[in-house]
Amino acid sequence: MDARRFKVVYRITYPNGKIYVGSDTTGSANYFGSASSDLIAQDFTREELRDFTIRKEILWESQDAADSEVRRMEGEFIRKLRSNDPSIGYNRTHRPRR
């Protein structure tokens, strides 16, 4: 199996412990999502941003899922991990149902 062909849902963990959940349908090893740079920068000093390590974990993968299935799984993980709660993560979509 060629790992570059997998569609994935991933979690990015930042140095402050906050997370971002995203998806990639291209199989790129170098894609780290589209979290808001402004939101992230607000949580760190300029000095902290000078040496910055993040962790990317694959939460779910498929070689044959439709893109709509990947987006559905991404939404499920956002809600499950609560990465849409500003105190936990940087996702700003898939707001909790009230």
PDB file of N, CA and C in Angstrom:
ATOM      1  N   MET A   1       0.836  -1.196   0.000  1.00  0.00           N
ATOM      2  CA  MET A   1       0.000   0.000   0.000  1.00  0.00           C
ATOM      3  C   MET A   1       0.868   1.241   0.000  1.00  0.00           C
ATOM      4  N   ASP A   2       0.455   2.217  -0.732  1.00  0.00           N
ATOM      5  CA  ASP A   2       1.183   3.473  -0.841  1.00  0.00           C
ATOM      6  C   ASP A   2       0.560   4.486   0.120  1.00  0.00           C
ATOM      7  N   ALA A   3       1.272   4.851   1.187  1.00  0.00           N
ATOM      8  CA  ALA A   3       0.747   5.748   2.224  1.00  0.00           C
ATOM      9  C   ALA A   3       0.347   7.107   1.661  1.00  0.00           C
ATOM     10  N   ARG A   4       0.926   7.526   0.562  1.00  0.00           N
ATOM     11  CA  ARG A   4       0.593   8.833  -0.007  1.00  0.00           C
ATOM     12  C   ARG A   4      -0.804   8.867  -0.599  1.00  0.00           C
ATOM     13  N   ARG A   5      -1.422   7.723  -0.790  1.00  0.00           N
ATOM     14  CA  ARG A   5      -2.757   7.679  -1.384  1.00  0.00           C
ATOM     15  C   ARG A   5      -3.879   7.632  -0.351  1.00  0.00           C
ATOM     16  N   PHE A   6      -3.537   7.623   0.913  1.00  0.00           N
ATOM     17  CA  PHE A   6      -4.552   7.571   1.949  1.00  0.00           C
ATOM     18  C   PHE A   6      -5.195   8.928   2.159  1.00  0.00           C
ATOM     19  N   LYS A   7      -6.494   8.917   2.354  1.00  0.00           N
ATOM     20  CA  LYS A   7      -7.218  10.092   2.824  1.00  0.00           C
ATOM     21  C   LYS A   7      -7.239   9.965   4.336  1.00  0.00           C
ATOM     22  N   VAL A   8      -7.015  11.075   5.043  1.00  0.00           N
ATOM     23  CA  VAL A   8      -6.852  10.988   6.492  1.00  0.00           C
ATOM     24  C   VAL A   8      -7.603  12.089   7.235  1.00  0.00           C
ATOM     25  N   VAL A   9      -7.886  11.797   8.488  1.00  0.00           N
ATOM     26  CA  VAL A   9      -8.292  12.792   9.474  1.00  0.00           C
ATOM     27  C   VAL A   9      -7.177  12.790  10.512  1.00  0.00           C
ATOM     28  N   TYR A  10      -6.709  13.962  10.880  1.00  0.00           N
ATOM     29  CA  TYR A  10      -5.552  14.069  11.769  1.00  0.00           C
ATOM     30  C   TYR A  10      -5.823  15.046  12.896  1.00  0.00           C
ATOM     31  N   ARG A  11      -4.977  14.945  13.919  1.00  0.00           N
ATOM     32  CA  ARG A  11      -4.988  15.895  15.027  1.00  0.00           C
ATOM     33  C   ARG A  11      -3.616  16.540  15.107  1.00  0.00           C
ATOM     34  N   ILE A  12      -3.594  17.854  15.158  1.00  0.00           N
ATOM     35  CA  ILE A  12      -2.373  18.606  15.399  1.00  0.00           C
ATOM     36  C   ILE A  12      -2.408  19.036  16.869  1.00  0.00           C
ATOM     37  N   THR A  13      -1.327  18.779  17.592  1.00  0.00           N
ATOM     38  CA  THR A  13      -1.227  19.224  18.988  1.00  0.00           C
ATOM     39  C   THR A  13      -0.132  20.273  19.079  1.00  0.00           C
ATOM     40  N   TYR A  14      -0.478  21.414  19.646  1.00  0.00           N
ATOM     41  CA  TYR A  14       0.442  22.540  19.783  1.00  0.00           C
ATOM     42  C   TYR A  14       1.125  22.494  21.151  1.00  0.00           C
ATOM     43  N   PRO A  15       2.200  23.254  21.333  1.00  0.00           N
ATOM     44  CA  PRO A  15       2.947  23.217  22.597  1.00  0.00           C
ATOM     45  C   PRO A  15       2.117  23.544  23.837  1.00  0.00           C
ATOM     46  N   ASN A  16       1.033  24.272  23.674  1.00  0.00           N
ATOM     47  CA  ASN A  16       0.182  24.624  24.807  1.00  0.00           C
ATOM     48  C   ASN A  16      -0.866  23.546  25.090  1.00  0.00           C
ATOM     49  N   GLY A  17      -0.846  22.463  24.325  1.00  0.00           N
ATOM     50  CA  GLY A  17      -1.788  21.371  24.524  1.00  0.00           C
ATOM     51  C   GLY A  17      -3.076  21.499  23.730  1.00  0.00           C
ATOM     52  N   LYS A  18      -3.317  22.665  23.137  1.00  0.00           N
ATOM     53  CA  LYS A  18      -4.512  22.823  22.319  1.00  0.00           C
ATOM     54  C   LYS A  18      -4.347  22.026  21.024  1.00  0.00           C
ATOM     55  N   ILE A  19      -5.498  21.657  20.442  1.00  0.00           N
ATOM     56  CA  ILE A  19      -5.466  20.801  19.260  1.00  0.00           C
ATOM     57  C   ILE A  19      -6.235  21.419  18.095  1.00  0.00           C
ATOM     58  N   TYR A  20      -5.953  20.903  16.935  1.00  0.00           N
ATOM     59  CA  TYR A  20      -6.691  21.221  15.711  1.00  0.00           C
ATOM     60  C   TYR A  20      -6.934  19.902  15.001  1.00  0.00           C
ATOM     61  N   VAL A  21      -8.170  19.648  14.596  1.00  0.00           N
ATOM     62  CA  VAL A  21      -8.508  18.446  13.849  1.00  0.00           C
ATOM     63  C   VAL A  21      -8.786  18.864  12.417  1.00  0.00           C
ATOM     64  N   GLY A  22      -8.180  18.156  11.478  1.00  0.00           N
ATOM     65  CA  GLY A  22      -8.372  18.456  10.066  1.00  0.00           C
ATOM     66  C   GLY A  22      -8.372  17.193   9.238  1.00  0.00           C
ATOM     67  N   SER A  23      -8.515  17.383   7.938  1.00  0.00           N
ATOM     68  CA  SER A  23      -8.504  16.246   7.028  1.00  0.00           C
ATOM     69  C   SER A  23      -7.685  16.590   5.793  1.00  0.00           C
ATOM     70  N   ASP A  24      -7.232  15.545   5.141  1.00  0.00           N
ATOM     71  CA  ASP A  24      -6.454  15.692   3.910  1.00  0.00           C
ATOM     72  C   ASP A  24      -6.893  14.597   2.959  1.00  0.00           C
ATOM     73  N   THR A  25      -7.355  14.983   1.792  1.00  0.00           N
ATOM     74  CA  THR A  25      -7.793  14.007   0.793  1.00  0.00           C
ATOM     75  C   THR A  25      -6.751  13.773  -0.292  1.00  0.00           C
ATOM     76  N   THR A  26      -5.583  14.389  -0.138  1.00  0.00           N
ATOM     77  CA  THR A  26      -4.538  14.249  -1.160  1.00  0.00           C
ATOM     78  C   THR A  26      -3.419  13.308  -0.747  1.00  0.00           C
ATOM     79  N   GLY A  27      -3.338  12.992   0.528  1.00  0.00           N
ATOM     80  CA  GLY A  27      -2.285  12.111   1.011  1.00  0.00           C
ATOM     81  C   GLY A  27      -0.954  12.809   1.200  1.00  0.00           C
ATOM     82  N   SER A  28      -0.957  14.116   1.337  1.00  0.00           N
ATOM     83  CA  SER A  28       0.279  14.877   1.490  1.00  0.00           C
ATOM     84  C   SER A  28       0.875  14.701   2.879  1.00  0.00           C
ATOM     85  N   ALA A  29       2.140  14.359   2.940  1.00  0.00           N
ATOM     86  CA  ALA A  29       2.829  14.237   4.230  1.00  0.00           C
ATOM     87  C   ALA A  29       3.119  15.608   4.831  1.00  0.00           C
ATOM     88  N   ASN A  30       3.044  16.646   4.023  1.00  0.00           N
ATOM     89  CA  ASN A  30       3.435  17.979   4.449  1.00  0.00           C
ATOM     90  C   ASN A  30       2.246  18.903   4.709  1.00  0.00           C
ATOM     91  N   TYR A  31       1.036  18.382   4.733  1.00  0.00           N
ATOM     92  CA  TYR A  31      -0.134  19.232   4.960  1.00  0.00           C
ATOM     93  C   TYR A  31      -0.463  19.258   6.448  1.00  0.00           C
ATOM     94  N   PHE A  32      -0.571  20.447   7.004  1.00  0.00           N
ATOM     95  CA  PHE A  32      -0.828  20.607   8.431  1.00  0.00           C
ATOM     96  C   PHE A  32      -2.079  21.430   8.699  1.00  0.00           C
ATOM     97  N   GLY A  33      -2.965  21.501   7.751  1.00  0.00           N
ATOM     98  CA  GLY A  33      -4.268  22.096   7.986  1.00  0.00           C
ATOM     99  C   GLY A  33      -4.351  23.581   7.771  1.00  0.00           C
ATOM    100  N   SER A  34      -5.514  24.099   8.096  1.00  0.00           N
ATOM    101  CA  SER A  34      -5.782  25.512   7.866  1.00  0.00           C
ATOM    102  C   SER A  34      -6.311  26.192   9.130  1.00  0.00           C
ATOM    103  N   ALA A  35      -5.750  25.824  10.255  1.00  0.00           N
ATOM    104  CA  ALA A  35      -6.104  26.519  11.497  1.00  0.00           C
ATOM    105  C   ALA A  35      -5.717  27.987  11.363  1.00  0.00           C
ATOM    106  N   SER A  36      -6.427  28.835  12.052  1.00  0.00           N
ATOM    107  CA  SER A  36      -6.166  30.268  11.989  1.00  0.00           C
ATOM    108  C   SER A  36      -4.831  30.622  12.630  1.00  0.00           C
ATOM    109  N   SER A  37      -3.932  31.162  11.832  1.00  0.00           N
ATOM    110  CA  SER A  37      -2.629  31.596  12.352  1.00  0.00           C
ATOM    111  C   SER A  37      -2.796  32.665  13.420  1.00  0.00           C
ATOM    112  N   ASP A  38      -3.780  33.547  13.246  1.00  0.00           N
ATOM    113  CA  ASP A  38      -4.017  34.615  14.227  1.00  0.00           C
ATOM    114  C   ASP A  38      -4.438  34.038  15.578  1.00  0.00           C
ATOM    115  N   LEU A  39      -5.337  33.048  15.551  1.00  0.00           N
ATOM    116  CA  LEU A  39      -5.764  32.425  16.810  1.00  0.00           C
ATOM    117  C   LEU A  39      -4.602  31.770  17.525  1.00  0.00           C
ATOM    118  N   ILE A  40      -3.788  31.054  16.779  1.00  0.00           N
ATOM    119  CA  ILE A  40      -2.650  30.355  17.370  1.00  0.00           C
ATOM    120  C   ILE A  40      -1.643  31.358  17.926  1.00  0.00           C
ATOM    121  N   ALA A  41      -1.325  32.389  17.159  1.00  0.00           N
ATOM    122  CA  ALA A  41      -0.331  33.382  17.574  1.00  0.00           C
ATOM    123  C   ALA A  41      -0.743  34.101  18.868  1.00  0.00           C
ATOM    124  N   GLN A  42      -2.046  34.251  19.091  1.00  0.00           N
ATOM    125  CA  GLN A  42      -2.529  34.917  20.304  1.00  0.00           C
ATOM    126  C   GLN A  42      -2.153  34.151  21.572  1.00  0.00           C
ATOM    127  N   ASP A  43      -1.936  32.851  21.431  1.00  0.00           N
ATOM    128  CA  ASP A  43      -1.670  32.004  22.598  1.00  0.00           C
ATOM    129  C   ASP A  43      -0.185  31.866  22.935  1.00  0.00           C
ATOM    130  N   PHE A  44       0.682  32.488  22.148  1.00  0.00           N
ATOM    131  CA  PHE A  44       2.123  32.322  22.350  1.00  0.00           C
ATOM    132  C   PHE A  44       2.827  33.665  22.290  1.00  0.00           C
ATOM    133  N   THR A  45       3.897  33.774  23.041  1.00  0.00           N
ATOM    134  CA  THR A  45       4.721  34.977  22.953  1.00  0.00           C
ATOM    135  C   THR A  45       5.582  34.897  21.689  1.00  0.00           C
ATOM    136  N   ARG A  46       6.140  36.008  21.325  1.00  0.00           N
ATOM    137  CA  ARG A  46       7.039  36.029  20.154  1.00  0.00           C
ATOM    138  C   ARG A  46       8.214  35.079  20.386  1.00  0.00           C
ATOM    139  N   GLU A  47       8.739  35.065  21.597  1.00  0.00           N
ATOM    140  CA  GLU A  47       9.860  34.180  21.928  1.00  0.00           C
ATOM    141  C   GLU A  47       9.452  32.710  21.806  1.00  0.00           C
ATOM    142  N   GLU A  48       8.270  32.369  22.279  1.00  0.00           N
ATOM    143  CA  GLU A  48       7.797  30.980  22.176  1.00  0.00           C
ATOM    144  C   GLU A  48       7.643  30.544  20.722  1.00  0.00           C
ATOM    145  N   LEU A  49       7.282  31.463  19.867  1.00  0.00           N
ATOM    146  CA  LEU A  49       7.106  31.133  18.448  1.00  0.00           C
ATOM    147  C   LEU A  49       8.433  30.935  17.717  1.00  0.00           C
ATOM    148  N   ARG A  50       9.540  31.312  18.354  1.00  0.00           N
ATOM    149  CA  ARG A  50      10.855  31.161  17.718  1.00  0.00           C
ATOM    150  C   ARG A  50      11.315  29.697  17.678  1.00  0.00           C
ATOM    151  N   ASP A  51      10.823  28.874  18.598  1.00  0.00           N
ATOM    152  CA  ASP A  51      11.164  27.450  18.639  1.00  0.00           C
ATOM    153  C   ASP A  51       9.865  26.711  18.939  1.00  0.00           C
ATOM    154  N   PHE A  52       9.223  26.232  17.904  1.00  0.00           N
ATOM    155  CA  PHE A  52       7.825  25.818  17.972  1.00  0.00           C
ATOM    156  C   PHE A  52       7.687  24.417  17.391  1.00  0.00           C
ATOM    157  N   THR A  53       7.262  23.476  18.209  1.00  0.00           N
ATOM    158  CA  THR A  53       7.108  22.101  17.745  1.00  0.00           C
ATOM    159  C   THR A  53       5.648  21.687  17.837  1.00  0.00           C
ATOM    160  N   ILE A  54       5.123  21.115  16.749  1.00  0.00           N
ATOM    161  CA  ILE A  54       3.770  20.578  16.769  1.00  0.00           C
ATOM    162  C   ILE A  54       3.832  19.089  16.452  1.00  0.00           C
ATOM    163  N   ARG A  55       2.777  18.389  16.824  1.00  0.00           N
ATOM    164  CA  ARG A  55       2.694  16.956  16.574  1.00  0.00           C
ATOM    165  C   ARG A  55       1.472  16.684  15.707  1.00  0.00           C
ATOM    166  N   LYS A  56       1.650  15.874  14.674  1.00  0.00           N
ATOM    167  CA  LYS A  56       0.545  15.478  13.806  1.00  0.00           C
ATOM    168  C   LYS A  56       0.312  13.984  13.985  1.00  0.00           C
ATOM    169  N   GLU A  57      -0.922  13.634  14.346  1.00  0.00           N
ATOM    170  CA  GLU A  57      -1.306  12.237  14.520  1.00  0.00           C
ATOM    171  C   GLU A  57      -2.448  11.897  13.563  1.00  0.00           C
ATOM    172  N   ILE A  58      -2.361  10.765  12.905  1.00  0.00           N
ATOM    173  CA  ILE A  58      -3.439  10.294  12.054  1.00  0.00           C
ATOM    174  C   ILE A  58      -4.461   9.600  12.949  1.00  0.00           C
ATOM    175  N   LEU A  59      -5.707  10.084  12.909  1.00  0.00           N
ATOM    176  CA  LEU A  59      -6.776   9.527  13.725  1.00  0.00           C
ATOM    177  C   LEU A  59      -7.603   8.504  12.962  1.00  0.00           C
ATOM    178  N   TRP A  60      -7.679   8.669  11.634  1.00  0.00           N
ATOM    179  CA  TRP A  60      -8.503   7.813  10.780  1.00  0.00           C
ATOM    180  C   TRP A  60      -7.934   7.899   9.379  1.00  0.00           C
ATOM    181  N   GLU A  61      -7.979   6.792   8.640  1.00  0.00           N
ATOM    182  CA  GLU A  61      -7.487   6.807   7.266  1.00  0.00           C
ATOM    183  C   GLU A  61      -8.271   5.838   6.409  1.00  0.00           C
ATOM    184  N   SER A  62      -8.298   6.126   5.110  1.00  0.00           N
ATOM    185  CA  SER A  62      -8.978   5.263   4.161  1.00  0.00           C
ATOM    186  C   SER A  62      -8.373   5.479   2.782  1.00  0.00           C
ATOM    187  N   GLN A  63      -8.270   4.411   2.039  1.00  0.00           N
ATOM    188  CA  GLN A  63      -7.812   4.539   0.655  1.00  0.00           C
ATOM    189  C   GLN A  63      -8.981   4.709  -0.304  1.00  0.00           C
ATOM    190  N   ASP A  64     -10.179   4.341   0.114  1.00  0.00           N
ATOM    191  CA  ASP A  64     -11.292   4.349  -0.834  1.00  0.00           C
ATOM    192  C   ASP A  64     -12.502   5.165  -0.399  1.00  0.00           C
ATOM    193  N   ALA A  65     -12.431   5.890   0.689  1.00  0.00           N
ATOM    194  CA  ALA A  65     -13.564   6.707   1.142  1.00  0.00           C
ATOM    195  C   ALA A  65     -13.797   7.874   0.193  1.00  0.00           C
ATOM    196  N   ALA A  66     -15.054   8.204   0.011  1.00  0.00           N
ATOM    197  CA  ALA A  66     -15.403   9.415  -0.751  1.00  0.00           C
ATOM    198  C   ALA A  66     -14.996  10.629   0.081  1.00  0.00           C
ATOM    199  N   ASP A  67     -14.741  11.744  -0.589  1.00  0.00           N
ATOM    200  CA  ASP A  67     -14.364  12.966   0.130  1.00  0.00           C
ATOM    201  C   ASP A  67     -15.429  13.357   1.152  1.00  0.00           C
ATOM    202  N   SER A  68     -16.699  13.121   0.836  1.00  0.00           N
ATOM    203  CA  SER A  68     -17.772  13.448   1.777  1.00  0.00           C
ATOM    204  C   SER A  68     -17.659  12.609   3.052  1.00  0.00           C
ATOM    205  N   GLU A  69     -17.239  11.369   2.937  1.00  0.00           N
ATOM    206  CA  GLU A  69     -17.027  10.514   4.119  1.00  0.00           C
ATOM    207  C   GLU A  69     -15.872  11.048   4.962  1.00  0.00           C
ATOM    208  N   VAL A  70     -14.815  11.514   4.310  1.00  0.00           N
ATOM    209  CA  VAL A  70     -13.673  12.078   5.036  1.00  0.00           C
ATOM    210  C   VAL A  70     -14.130  13.311   5.821  1.00  0.00           C
ATOM    211  N   ARG A  71     -14.898  14.186   5.187  1.00  0.00           N
ATOM    212  CA  ARG A  71     -15.400  15.383   5.873  1.00  0.00           C
ATOM    213  C   ARG A  71     -16.325  15.013   7.031  1.00  0.00           C
ATOM    214  N   ARG A  72     -17.149  13.977   6.851  1.00  0.00           N
ATOM    215  CA  ARG A  72     -18.037  13.526   7.917  1.00  0.00           C
ATOM    216  C   ARG A  72     -17.224  13.028   9.113  1.00  0.00           C
ATOM    217  N   MET A  73     -16.192  12.246   8.827  1.00  0.00           N
ATOM    218  CA  MET A  73     -15.338  11.728   9.902  1.00  0.00           C
ATOM    219  C   MET A  73     -14.596  12.869  10.598  1.00  0.00           C
ATOM    220  N   GLU A  74     -14.149  13.848   9.832  1.00  0.00           N
ATOM    221  CA  GLU A  74     -13.485  15.011  10.425  1.00  0.00           C
ATOM    222  C   GLU A  74     -14.429  15.698  11.417  1.00  0.00           C
ATOM    223  N   GLY A  75     -15.667  15.925  11.017  1.00  0.00           N
ATOM    224  CA  GLY A  75     -16.646  16.546  11.902  1.00  0.00           C
ATOM    225  C   GLY A  75     -16.889  15.731  13.162  1.00  0.00           C
ATOM    226  N   GLU A  76     -16.940  14.417  13.003  1.00  0.00           N
ATOM    227  CA  GLU A  76     -17.130  13.550  14.171  1.00  0.00           C
ATOM    228  C   GLU A  76     -15.973  13.693  15.157  1.00  0.00           C
ATOM    229  N   PHE A  77     -14.750  13.712  14.641  1.00  0.00           N
ATOM    230  CA  PHE A  77     -13.596  13.848  15.529  1.00  0.00           C
ATOM    231  C   PHE A  77     -13.535  15.237  16.165  1.00  0.00           C
ATOM    232  N   ILE A  78     -13.903  16.268  15.420  1.00  0.00           N
ATOM    233  CA  ILE A  78     -13.929  17.622  15.990  1.00  0.00           C
ATOM    234  C   ILE A  78     -14.868  17.654  17.187  1.00  0.00           C
ATOM    235  N   ARG A  79     -16.058  17.080  17.029  1.00  0.00           N
ATOM    236  CA  ARG A  79     -17.028  17.069  18.128  1.00  0.00           C
ATOM    237  C   ARG A  79     -16.569  16.156  19.264  1.00  0.00           C
ATOM    238  N   LYS A  80     -16.073  14.969  18.926  1.00  0.00           N
ATOM    239  CA  LYS A  80     -15.650  14.001  19.947  1.00  0.00           C
ATOM    240  C   LYS A  80     -14.499  14.537  20.798  1.00  0.00           C
ATOM    241  N   LEU A  81     -13.512  15.145  20.147  1.00  0.00           N
ATOM    242  CA  LEU A  81     -12.336  15.662  20.852  1.00  0.00           C
ATOM    243  C   LEU A  81     -12.538  17.084  21.376  1.00  0.00           C
ATOM    244  N   ARG A  82     -13.671  17.689  21.006  1.00  0.00           N
ATOM    245  CA  ARG A  82     -14.046  19.039  21.431  1.00  0.00           C
ATOM    246  C   ARG A  82     -13.030  20.098  20.991  1.00  0.00           C
ATOM    247  N   SER A  83     -12.424  19.878  19.846  1.00  0.00           N
ATOM    248  CA  SER A  83     -11.443  20.849  19.344  1.00  0.00           C
ATOM    249  C   SER A  83     -12.101  22.139  18.881  1.00  0.00           C
ATOM    250  N   ASN A  84     -13.435  22.190  18.866  1.00  0.00           N
ATOM    251  CA  ASN A  84     -14.165  23.412  18.540  1.00  0.00           C
ATOM    252  C   ASN A  84     -14.468  24.244  19.787  1.00  0.00           C
ATOM    253  N   ASP A  85     -14.059  23.751  20.950  1.00  0.00           N
ATOM    254  CA  ASP A  85     -14.156  24.505  22.204  1.00  0.00           C
ATOM    255  C   ASP A  85     -12.883  25.344  22.304  1.00  0.00           C
ATOM    256  N   PRO A  86     -12.983  26.672  22.316  1.00  0.00           N
ATOM    257  CA  PRO A  86     -11.789  27.528  22.315  1.00  0.00           C
ATOM    258  C   PRO A  86     -10.798  27.246  23.444  1.00  0.00           C
ATOM    259  N   SER A  87     -11.244  26.644  24.527  1.00  0.00           N
ATOM    260  CA  SER A  87     -10.309  26.320  25.605  1.00  0.00           C
ATOM    261  C   SER A  87      -9.545  25.023  25.328  1.00  0.00           C
ATOM    262  N   ILE A  88      -9.980  24.268  24.332  1.00  0.00           N
ATOM    263  CA  ILE A  88      -9.363  22.983  23.996  1.00  0.00           C
ATOM    264  C   ILE A  88      -8.660  23.008  22.653  1.00  0.00           C
ATOM    265  N   GLY A  89      -9.250  23.722  21.687  1.00  0.00           N
ATOM    266  CA  GLY A  89      -8.681  23.642  20.348  1.00  0.00           C
ATOM    267  C   GLY A  89      -8.908  24.852  19.478  1.00  0.00           C
ATOM    268  N   TYR A  90      -8.438  24.729  18.244  1.00  0.00           N
ATOM    269  CA  TYR A  90      -8.455  25.836  17.288  1.00  0.00           C
ATOM    270  C   TYR A  90      -9.476  25.675  16.168  1.00  0.00           C
ATOM    271  N   ASN A  91     -10.268  24.621  16.175  1.00  0.00           N
ATOM    272  CA  ASN A  91     -11.315  24.499  15.160  1.00  0.00           C
ATOM    273  C   ASN A  91     -12.412  25.506  15.467  1.00  0.00           C
ATOM    274  N   ARG A  92     -12.943  26.128  14.444  1.00  0.00           N
ATOM    275  CA  ARG A  92     -14.022  27.085  14.622  1.00  0.00           C
ATOM    276  C   ARG A  92     -15.263  26.665  13.839  1.00  0.00           C
ATOM    277  N   THR A  93     -15.276  25.440  13.340  1.00  0.00           N
ATOM    278  CA  THR A  93     -16.453  24.883  12.681  1.00  0.00           C
ATOM    279  C   THR A  93     -16.984  23.744  13.529  1.00  0.00           C
ATOM    280  N   HIS A  94     -18.110  23.206  13.137  1.00  0.00           N
ATOM    281  CA  HIS A  94     -18.739  22.089  13.837  1.00  0.00           C
ATOM    282  C   HIS A  94     -18.991  22.444  15.303  1.00  0.00           C
ATOM    283  N   ARG A  95     -19.626  23.590  15.495  1.00  0.00           N
ATOM    284  CA  ARG A  95     -19.930  24.053  16.843  1.00  0.00           C
ATOM    285  C   ARG A  95     -20.806  23.030  17.552  1.00  0.00           C
ATOM    286  N   PRO A  96     -20.651  22.897  18.859  1.00  0.00           N
ATOM    287  CA  PRO A  96     -21.492  21.948  19.603  1.00  0.00           C
ATOM    288  C   PRO A  96     -22.962  22.279  19.455  1.00  0.00           C
ATOM    289  N   ARG A  97     -23.781  21.246  19.395  1.00  0.00           N
ATOM    290  CA  ARG A  97     -25.231  21.457  19.334  1.00  0.00           C
ATOM    291  C   ARG A  97     -25.734  21.820  20.727  1.00  0.00           C
ATOM    292  N   ARG A  98     -26.634  22.764  20.778  1.00  0.00           N
ATOM    293  CA  ARG A  98     -27.168  23.206  22.086  1.00  0.00           C
ATOM    294  C   ARG A  98     -28.603  22.745  22.229  1.00  0.00           C
TER     295      ARG A  98
END
